Structures are given as C-alpha cells and as structure tokens.
Protein backbone atom coordinates (compact mmCIF):
# COMPACT_ATOMS: atom_id res chain seq x y z
CA UNK A 1 0.00 0.00 0.00
CA UNK A 2 2.89 2.37 0.68
CA UNK A 3 4.05 2.09 -2.92
CA UNK A 4 0.55 2.76 -4.22
CA UNK A 5 0.25 5.87 -2.07
CA UNK A 6 3.52 7.19 -3.42
CA UNK A 7 2.44 6.56 -6.99
CA UNK A 8 -0.75 8.51 -6.42
CA UNK A 9 1.21 11.44 -5.05
CA UNK A 10 3.49 11.45 -8.08
CA UNK A 11 0.69 11.28 -10.63
CA UNK A 12 -1.15 14.04 -8.82
CA UNK A 13 2.09 16.00 -8.85
CA UNK A 14 2.36 15.63 -12.61
CA UNK A 15 -0.89 17.53 -12.97
CA UNK A 16 0.69 20.32 -10.87
CA UNK A 17 3.69 20.39 -13.20
CA UNK A 18 1.39 20.93 -16.15
CA UNK A 19 0.20 24.17 -14.60
CA UNK A 20 3.42 25.41 -13.04
CA UNK A 21 5.85 24.79 -15.87
CA UNK A 22 4.16 27.32 -18.13
CA UNK A 23 5.55 29.95 -15.74
CA UNK A 24 8.93 28.28 -15.22
CA UNK A 25 11.93 30.59 -15.51
CA UNK A 26 14.58 27.88 -15.76
CA UNK A 27 15.19 24.14 -15.82
CA UNK A 28 13.78 22.01 -13.03
CA UNK A 29 15.06 18.61 -11.95
CA UNK A 30 13.08 15.51 -12.91
CA UNK A 31 13.50 12.76 -10.36
CA UNK A 32 12.49 9.13 -9.98
CA UNK A 33 12.62 6.54 -7.25
CA UNK A 34 15.84 4.60 -7.05
CA UNK A 35 15.66 1.17 -8.61
CA UNK A 36 14.17 0.21 -11.95
CA UNK A 37 10.40 0.37 -11.95
CA UNK A 38 10.02 1.59 -8.39
CA UNK A 39 7.17 3.88 -9.47
CA UNK A 40 6.54 6.40 -12.23
CA UNK A 41 9.19 9.10 -12.55
CA UNK A 42 8.88 11.61 -9.83
CA UNK A 43 8.95 15.24 -9.76
CA UNK A 44 10.15 18.70 -9.18
CA UNK A 45 11.53 19.44 -5.74
CA UNK A 46 8.14 20.88 -4.85
CA UNK A 47 6.40 17.59 -5.58
CA UNK A 48 9.03 15.67 -3.65
CA UNK A 49 7.78 17.36 -0.48
CA UNK A 50 4.39 15.72 -1.04
CA UNK A 51 6.01 12.35 -0.30
CA UNK A 52 6.00 11.85 3.43
CA UNK A 53 7.82 9.05 5.22
CA UNK A 54 4.43 7.37 5.53
CA UNK A 55 3.79 6.97 1.81
CA UNK A 56 7.33 6.75 0.40
CA UNK A 57 8.34 3.19 -0.55
CA UNK A 58 10.68 1.90 2.13
CA UNK A 59 14.30 1.81 1.03
CA UNK A 60 13.65 3.94 -2.06
CA UNK A 61 15.19 7.35 -2.69
CA UNK A 62 14.54 9.88 -5.42
CA UNK A 63 17.23 10.20 -8.06
CA UNK A 64 17.52 12.62 -10.95
CA UNK A 65 16.75 11.24 -14.41
CA UNK A 66 16.63 14.50 -16.35
CA UNK A 67 15.76 18.19 -16.41
CA UNK A 68 12.36 19.59 -17.30
CA UNK A 69 11.90 21.89 -20.27
CA UNK A 70 9.12 24.43 -20.64
CA UNK A 71 6.19 22.80 -22.50
CA UNK A 72 5.54 24.13 -25.99
CA UNK A 73 2.49 26.31 -26.33
CA UNK A 74 2.98 26.50 -30.11
CA UNK A 75 4.60 24.19 -32.62
CA UNK A 76 5.27 20.45 -32.41
CA UNK A 77 7.70 18.30 -30.49
CA UNK A 78 10.36 16.66 -32.60
CA UNK A 79 11.18 12.99 -33.03
CA UNK A 80 13.32 11.90 -30.08
CA UNK A 81 11.75 14.29 -27.54
CA UNK A 82 11.76 12.76 -24.06
CA UNK A 83 8.67 13.46 -21.97
CA UNK A 84 6.66 12.64 -18.89
CA UNK A 85 2.95 11.93 -19.38
CA UNK A 86 1.09 14.63 -17.44
CA UNK A 87 -1.81 12.32 -16.49
CA UNK A 88 -0.41 8.78 -16.26
CA UNK A 89 3.10 9.73 -15.15
CA UNK A 90 5.16 7.45 -17.38
CA UNK A 91 8.41 8.31 -19.17
CA UNK A 92 8.31 8.16 -22.94
CA UNK A 93 9.84 9.33 -26.20
CA UNK A 94 8.15 10.89 -29.24
CA UNK A 95 8.44 8.90 -32.48
CA UNK A 96 6.44 11.14 -34.82
CA UNK A 97 3.34 13.39 -34.82
CA UNK A 98 -0.17 12.85 -36.16
CA UNK A 99 -2.49 15.67 -37.21
CA UNK A 100 -5.99 14.69 -36.10
CA UNK A 101 -9.41 16.31 -36.29
CA UNK A 102 -10.77 16.89 -32.78
CA UNK A 103 -14.57 16.93 -32.56
CA UNK A 104 -15.26 18.43 -29.13
CA UNK A 105 -18.97 18.42 -28.29
CA UNK A 106 -18.29 20.64 -25.27
CA UNK A 107 -17.32 23.52 -27.53
CA UNK A 108 -20.21 25.67 -28.70
CA UNK A 109 -20.78 25.77 -32.44
CA UNK A 110 -22.92 27.90 -34.70
CA UNK A 111 -26.11 26.70 -36.30
CA UNK A 112 -24.47 26.72 -39.72
CA UNK A 113 -21.83 24.18 -38.69
CA UNK A 114 -23.83 21.06 -39.37
CA UNK A 115 -22.43 17.67 -38.42
CA UNK A 116 -23.79 14.25 -39.20
CA UNK A 117 -25.61 12.93 -36.16
CA UNK A 118 -26.02 9.11 -36.30
CA UNK A 119 -29.25 7.66 -34.96
CA UNK A 120 -30.25 10.97 -33.43
CA UNK A 121 -27.76 10.80 -30.56
CA UNK A 122 -28.11 14.22 -28.99
CA UNK A 123 -28.53 17.44 -30.95
CA UNK A 124 -25.17 19.15 -30.64
CA UNK A 125 -23.50 20.40 -33.77
CA UNK A 126 -19.78 19.84 -33.94
CA UNK A 127 -17.01 21.20 -36.10
CA UNK A 128 -13.65 19.50 -35.98
CA UNK A 129 -10.41 21.39 -35.45
CA UNK A 130 -6.83 20.29 -36.03
CA UNK A 131 -5.07 18.85 -33.00
CA UNK A 132 -1.63 17.27 -32.64
CA UNK A 133 -1.07 13.80 -31.21
CA UNK A 134 2.15 11.81 -31.03
CA UNK A 135 3.11 8.19 -31.57
CA UNK A 136 5.30 7.35 -28.58
CA UNK A 137 7.18 4.58 -26.83
CA UNK A 138 6.57 3.98 -23.10
CA UNK A 139 9.48 3.21 -20.79
CA UNK A 140 9.15 -0.48 -19.84
CA UNK A 141 10.14 0.31 -16.24
CA UNK A 142 6.97 2.33 -15.80
CA UNK A 143 4.51 -0.08 -17.44
CA UNK A 144 3.76 -2.12 -14.27
CA UNK A 145 2.77 1.03 -12.42
CA UNK A 146 0.31 2.37 -14.98
CA UNK A 147 -1.31 -0.95 -15.93
CA UNK A 148 -4.27 -0.31 -13.60
CA UNK A 149 -4.92 3.05 -15.26
CA UNK A 150 -3.85 2.65 -18.87
CA UNK A 151 -3.30 -0.44 -20.98
CA UNK A 152 0.29 -0.73 -22.16
CA UNK A 153 -0.62 -3.22 -24.91
CA UNK A 154 -3.53 -1.23 -26.33
CA UNK A 155 -2.20 -0.68 -29.87
CA UNK A 156 -3.21 -3.86 -31.65
CA UNK A 157 -3.06 -5.13 -35.23
CA UNK A 158 -4.58 -7.89 -37.31
CA UNK A 159 -2.13 -10.76 -37.22
CA UNK A 160 -2.48 -12.65 -40.48
CA UNK A 161 -4.84 -13.28 -43.34
CA UNK A 162 -5.60 -16.88 -42.39
CA UNK A 163 -7.14 -16.16 -39.00
CA UNK A 164 -9.77 -13.42 -39.26
CA UNK A 165 -9.90 -12.88 -35.48
CA UNK A 166 -6.20 -13.04 -34.57
CA UNK A 167 -4.81 -9.84 -33.08
CA UNK A 168 -1.44 -8.92 -31.68
CA UNK A 169 -0.02 -5.91 -29.88
CA UNK A 170 3.22 -4.00 -29.71
CA UNK A 171 3.78 -3.47 -25.96
CA UNK A 172 4.59 0.07 -24.88
CA UNK A 173 3.25 1.85 -27.97
CA UNK A 174 0.86 4.73 -27.28
CA UNK A 175 -0.77 7.89 -28.66
CA UNK A 176 -0.39 11.08 -26.60
CA UNK A 177 -2.06 14.46 -27.02
CA UNK A 178 0.16 17.53 -27.27
CA UNK A 179 -1.04 18.99 -23.96
CA UNK A 180 -0.17 15.76 -22.12
CA UNK A 181 3.53 16.08 -22.99
CA UNK A 182 5.84 17.36 -20.23
CA UNK A 183 9.21 17.56 -22.04
CA UNK A 184 12.54 16.89 -20.39
CA UNK A 185 16.16 16.33 -21.34
CA UNK A 186 18.60 13.66 -20.20
CA UNK A 187 22.33 13.03 -20.54
CA UNK A 188 21.70 9.30 -20.75
CA UNK A 189 22.30 7.93 -24.26
CA UNK A 190 19.56 5.30 -23.71
CA UNK A 191 17.13 7.08 -21.36
CA UNK A 192 14.08 5.00 -22.30
CA UNK A 193 13.98 1.25 -21.80
CA UNK A 194 12.04 -0.24 -24.71
CA UNK A 195 13.10 -2.92 -27.16
CA UNK A 196 12.42 -0.59 -30.10
CA UNK A 197 14.23 2.49 -28.74
CA UNK A 198 17.64 1.77 -30.23
CA UNK A 199 16.09 0.18 -33.30
CA UNK A 200 14.18 3.36 -34.10
CA UNK A 201 16.40 6.12 -32.69
CA UNK A 202 20.08 7.03 -32.91
CA UNK A 203 21.93 9.15 -30.37
CA UNK A 204 23.45 12.31 -31.90
CA UNK A 205 24.74 14.83 -29.37
CA UNK A 206 24.85 17.56 -32.02
CA UNK A 207 21.07 17.52 -32.37
CA UNK A 208 18.33 18.85 -30.11
CA UNK A 209 16.76 16.61 -28.99
CA UNK A 210 19.81 14.35 -29.29
CA UNK A 211 17.88 11.36 -30.67
CA UNK A 212 17.22 11.21 -34.40
CA UNK A 213 15.12 8.81 -36.45
CA UNK A 214 16.87 5.84 -38.00
CA UNK A 215 15.82 4.70 -41.45
CA UNK A 216 14.11 1.78 -39.69
CA UNK A 217 11.63 4.16 -38.05
CA UNK A 218 10.89 6.03 -41.27
CA UNK A 219 10.32 2.79 -43.18
CA UNK A 220 8.12 1.38 -40.40
CA UNK A 221 6.00 4.54 -40.33
CA UNK A 222 5.58 4.59 -44.11
CA UNK A 223 4.70 0.91 -44.51
CA UNK A 224 2.23 0.83 -41.63
CA UNK A 225 0.74 4.29 -42.03
CA UNK A 226 -2.82 3.03 -42.78
CA UNK A 227 -2.94 0.89 -39.64
CA UNK A 228 -1.27 3.38 -37.31
CA UNK A 229 -2.89 6.61 -38.52
CA UNK A 230 -4.84 8.66 -36.00
CA UNK A 231 -7.31 10.86 -37.88
CA UNK A 232 -10.39 11.62 -35.73
CA UNK A 233 -10.81 12.28 -32.01
CA UNK A 234 -14.21 12.68 -30.34
CA UNK A 235 -14.80 14.26 -26.93
CA UNK A 236 -17.81 14.98 -24.70
CA UNK A 237 -18.31 15.82 -21.02
CA UNK A 238 -21.29 14.86 -18.86
CA UNK A 239 -21.47 15.87 -15.17
CA UNK A 240 -17.71 16.53 -15.08
CA UNK A 241 -16.81 13.14 -16.58
CA UNK A 242 -15.03 13.65 -19.90
CA UNK A 243 -15.02 10.84 -22.45
CA UNK A 244 -12.53 10.89 -25.32
CA UNK A 245 -12.78 8.33 -28.13
CA UNK A 246 -10.22 7.63 -30.86
CA UNK A 247 -11.21 5.05 -33.52
CA UNK A 248 -8.66 3.25 -35.73
CA UNK A 249 -9.35 1.20 -38.83
CA UNK A 250 -7.45 -2.10 -38.67
CA UNK A 251 -8.24 -3.71 -41.99
CA UNK A 252 -10.52 -6.29 -43.65
CA UNK A 253 -10.47 -10.07 -43.51
CA UNK A 254 -12.49 -12.70 -45.34
CA UNK A 255 -14.47 -15.12 -43.19
CA UNK A 256 -17.05 -17.65 -44.36
CA UNK A 257 -17.33 -16.10 -47.81
CA UNK A 258 -17.92 -12.61 -46.44
CA UNK A 259 -15.81 -9.57 -45.66
CA UNK A 260 -15.26 -8.63 -42.03
CA UNK A 261 -14.01 -5.11 -41.27
CA UNK A 262 -12.16 -4.45 -38.00
CA UNK A 263 -11.69 -1.32 -35.90
CA UNK A 264 -9.89 -0.59 -32.65
CA UNK A 265 -11.13 2.23 -30.44
CA UNK A 266 -9.31 3.84 -27.54
CA UNK A 267 -11.36 5.45 -24.76
CA UNK A 268 -10.15 7.75 -22.00
CA UNK A 269 -12.35 8.59 -19.02
CA UNK A 270 -11.43 11.64 -16.92
CA UNK A 271 -13.00 12.90 -13.72
CA UNK A 272 -12.77 16.71 -13.82
CA UNK A 273 -14.29 17.05 -10.35
CA UNK A 274 -13.02 16.19 -6.87
CA UNK A 275 -15.88 13.78 -6.10
CA UNK A 276 -15.09 10.07 -6.30
CA UNK A 277 -17.09 8.06 -8.84
CA UNK A 278 -16.92 4.46 -10.08
CA UNK A 279 -17.76 3.10 -13.52
CA UNK A 280 -20.35 0.33 -13.23
CA UNK A 281 -21.91 -0.36 -16.63
CA UNK A 282 -21.49 0.27 -20.34
CA UNK A 283 -24.25 0.56 -22.94
CA UNK A 284 -23.29 0.59 -26.61
CA UNK A 285 -25.29 1.04 -29.80
CA UNK A 286 -23.52 -0.13 -32.95
CA UNK A 287 -24.99 0.69 -36.35
CA UNK A 288 -23.68 -0.96 -39.51
CA UNK A 289 -24.02 0.34 -43.06
CA UNK A 290 -25.63 -3.02 -43.85
CA UNK A 291 -28.62 -1.83 -41.82
CA UNK A 292 -28.13 -3.73 -38.56
CA UNK A 293 -28.32 -2.05 -35.15
CA UNK A 294 -26.73 -3.91 -32.24
CA UNK A 295 -27.09 -3.16 -28.54
CA UNK A 296 -24.36 -4.20 -26.10
CA UNK A 297 -24.70 -3.94 -22.32
CA UNK A 298 -22.34 -5.14 -19.64
CA UNK A 299 -20.57 -4.59 -16.35
CA UNK A 300 -17.61 -2.24 -16.42
CA UNK A 301 -15.11 -2.18 -19.28
CA UNK A 302 -12.39 -4.72 -20.17
CA UNK A 303 -13.20 -6.61 -16.99
CA UNK A 304 -12.75 -3.61 -14.71
CA UNK A 305 -14.90 -1.11 -12.85
CA UNK A 306 -12.39 1.73 -12.38
CA UNK A 307 -12.67 4.33 -9.63
CA UNK A 308 -11.98 7.91 -10.73
CA UNK A 309 -10.83 10.17 -7.91
CA UNK A 310 -8.92 13.41 -7.44
CA UNK A 311 -5.71 11.39 -6.96
CA UNK A 312 -6.35 9.00 -9.86
CA UNK A 313 -8.66 10.96 -12.17
CA UNK A 314 -8.22 9.03 -15.44
CA UNK A 315 -8.62 5.57 -16.92
CA UNK A 316 -7.78 4.57 -20.50
CA UNK A 317 -8.50 1.37 -22.39
CA UNK A 318 -8.90 -0.05 -25.89
CA UNK A 319 -11.35 -2.49 -27.38
CA UNK A 320 -12.39 -3.77 -30.81
CA UNK A 321 -15.44 -4.03 -33.03
CA UNK A 322 -16.04 -5.83 -36.31
CA UNK A 323 -18.75 -5.30 -38.92
CA UNK A 324 -19.76 -7.07 -42.10
CA UNK A 325 -19.90 -3.66 -43.77
CA UNK A 326 -17.26 -1.12 -44.69
CA UNK A 327 -18.59 1.55 -42.32
CA UNK A 328 -20.85 2.22 -39.38
CA UNK A 329 -21.37 4.30 -36.24
CA UNK A 330 -21.06 3.76 -32.50
CA UNK A 331 -22.42 5.71 -29.53
CA UNK A 332 -23.71 5.00 -26.04
CA UNK A 333 -23.38 5.70 -22.33
CA UNK A 334 -21.35 4.74 -19.28
CA UNK A 335 -23.17 4.41 -15.97
CA UNK A 336 -21.28 5.74 -12.95
CA UNK A 337 -21.98 5.34 -9.24
CA UNK A 338 -21.45 7.99 -6.56
CA UNK A 339 -20.36 7.17 -2.97
CA UNK A 340 -23.96 7.59 -1.77
CA UNK A 341 -25.10 4.81 -4.13
CA UNK A 342 -26.82 7.06 -6.68
CA UNK A 343 -26.11 6.60 -10.39
CA UNK A 344 -25.79 8.82 -13.43
CA UNK A 345 -25.19 8.21 -17.13
CA UNK A 346 -22.29 9.73 -19.06
CA UNK A 347 -22.62 10.10 -22.83
CA UNK A 348 -20.11 8.48 -25.17
CA UNK A 349 -19.72 10.84 -28.13
CA UNK A 350 -20.91 9.28 -31.41
CA UNK A 351 -18.14 8.36 -33.80
CA UNK A 352 -17.86 6.91 -37.28
CA UNK A 353 -16.27 3.63 -38.25
CA UNK A 354 -14.77 4.20 -41.68
CA UNK A 355 -12.63 1.85 -43.74
CA UNK A 356 -9.82 2.92 -46.04
CA UNK A 357 -11.45 3.21 -49.42
CA UNK A 358 -8.16 2.81 -51.30
CA UNK A 359 -7.19 -0.38 -49.49
CA UNK A 360 -5.74 -2.78 -52.02
CA UNK A 361 -4.32 -5.54 -49.84
CA UNK A 362 -5.29 -6.24 -46.23
CA UNK A 363 -2.39 -6.02 -43.78
CA UNK A 364 -0.71 -9.30 -42.89
CA UNK A 365 0.68 -8.18 -39.57
CA UNK A 366 2.84 -5.17 -38.93
CA UNK A 367 5.57 -4.67 -41.53
CA UNK A 368 9.19 -4.05 -40.58
C-alpha cells in the first residue's frame, strides 16, 4: 500500500507540473525513485515534499533522471523528444506526430456548422479542429505502475490473413495528445527502456533533442501508415466526466465467404471534479451500413470497474469491433456510481467507423 500511495502522489504531482511549468523561468530537476520500476518518474523538488515518510516506498530514494523543459504552447515536439505523461506519469519518447481532427462536443458551435448525427444521438453540432497527437514509446520500467490506469498493450493489429480474429499488440506503444507532454532532457544515451528504442532512434549529441530517427523508423512509419494513422478524435463531457474516443481502422479479412471489417477504439475517461465516482456499466449502440443495429450492455469495461478520484482521475483502455460492412457508427453511455449509491449516465460521443477506401491488400501483420 505504501508504494501505491507514493504513486498517487506522483501522478497528482504531474498535474501540478502541467500548470506550473508554463511559468517556469529555468530548468527544473526531474527525479524518480531509485531502482528500476520503483514507481513512475517523480517530480520537481516541490512535488518531492508531497512524499512523506508514511507513503514513500521503504528503502527507495529519489534520483535525478533529467531536467524539465518548458512545454511548448505552439509548434510540435520533434522525433526523439523525451517526456513525462502529465496524467499517467510514465516516461516516454516521441516517435512522430499525427495531425488529427478533434470533434469536441463541449465547444459551442454555430447553427451553420452542421455535423452528421447518427441515430439521433443528442442534438449538438460539432465542427472539428486540427489537433496534434504523437506516436510514442513507453518506458518499460513504468509499465507495471500504470497498468491499472492505462493499458500498455492497447495498440493492436490484425495478425495474419488466415485467422480473421487473430490480433497482436506492440507493448509500450501509445498515442499522446500535445497537452499531455511534459518535455525533459537527459544526458543518458539510452534514457528509455524499450526494445524498439535503439532500433528506431540514434543518439546524436549535435542535435536537439539528441535522438534522431533511423531509417528503420521512417520505413516502419511509411509501410504501416494506414494501420497506425490517427485521424479523428471525439470528446464529450457529462457531469464533469469527460469521455474521449479515438477510432482506428485495422483492416478487412475474409471469413465464411464474407468480408469482415475491423476497428480498434481507444477510450479515455477523466474525472474533472473532486468527487469520487466508479464506472459500473457500459451501454453501446452499434450501427452498420448493412442496416443492422446492435445493442451491447455489460458490467464495467475490459473486466474492470475503475474508480476515478482526485488522486487518480483518469482511466484509458482499448477495445475492438467488427462489422460485415465497410462503415458504421457507435455511440452509447457509461453508468457511474457515486459514494452515496446514486447513479448517473455519461454520454459516449458518437463516432464513425470508416474503412480505407483505397485499401488494395489487407495487412498481414505489422511490416518491418
């Protein structure tokens, strides 16, 4: 329990960094607990004071792993940028950016900005705006400590053409929004522990950041662009619970003389209030272009019923859906429970499931 308490303090501290670093006048030390994987990388000296002797892991001390940089308000982070995730607290490195369209249903829009509204879900009109996300690698030392809050094997791919349901994942691959990046620098030539770090990146002390893309990374990005691409992000808030959905097209397989189209979708739940709530149920509506409408109800998500609190405000997971049509829509609700036993429903923003119209050959696993 002591280790868990310390991890909560550090993740909460990372949210403080996000606010304070915009006013930073100089570099600040980034620290972590001694010993590989002790808990997510720690903090500025201010955050270190949040760790009392009661909640600090016994026998662990904080050690410097780098120096914070001021987060970018404009422009993009470059390939090789080291960062701390402002919500989940893990160390990572930027591989390359994605330019997505963010459809935020919390932002007011004018009557002339019409948006398709599948199955009459709500009446809000939404106009997408460009938003930067990054393909990143997660430090393997931090994966055990974020596994209860964010899946570290969430980026999945269709395995091969022979088995229409076979999926596989690349551990420690993630997508991170620009505002969740807390950049830092390190003098370590291999600051991130991930099996792909040295395969994708080359240390070059003359560059800033000092890690540049190898040809392997460029080739991997180009060959797998259709299955990695992040294009649309959907967001909506209900009673201070924000739901963000990112759908990914995975490809088509043939099964029993029919075509089956696969999508992965990543969902992040965030509690923007200080009140503790717990996810209890999910209710999905899935519409296929073939004309079918499916309803899915169940307890929790991916076998869990996460608690969202001030200390641990976010939970992120991925799941999959398949249709016997090249497109469709999904929408629904999550049911949450308050400490007094009352319940309330949180809307899942509607999102489209679109296949790549120019797809010539289905992927047969991830190409290297």
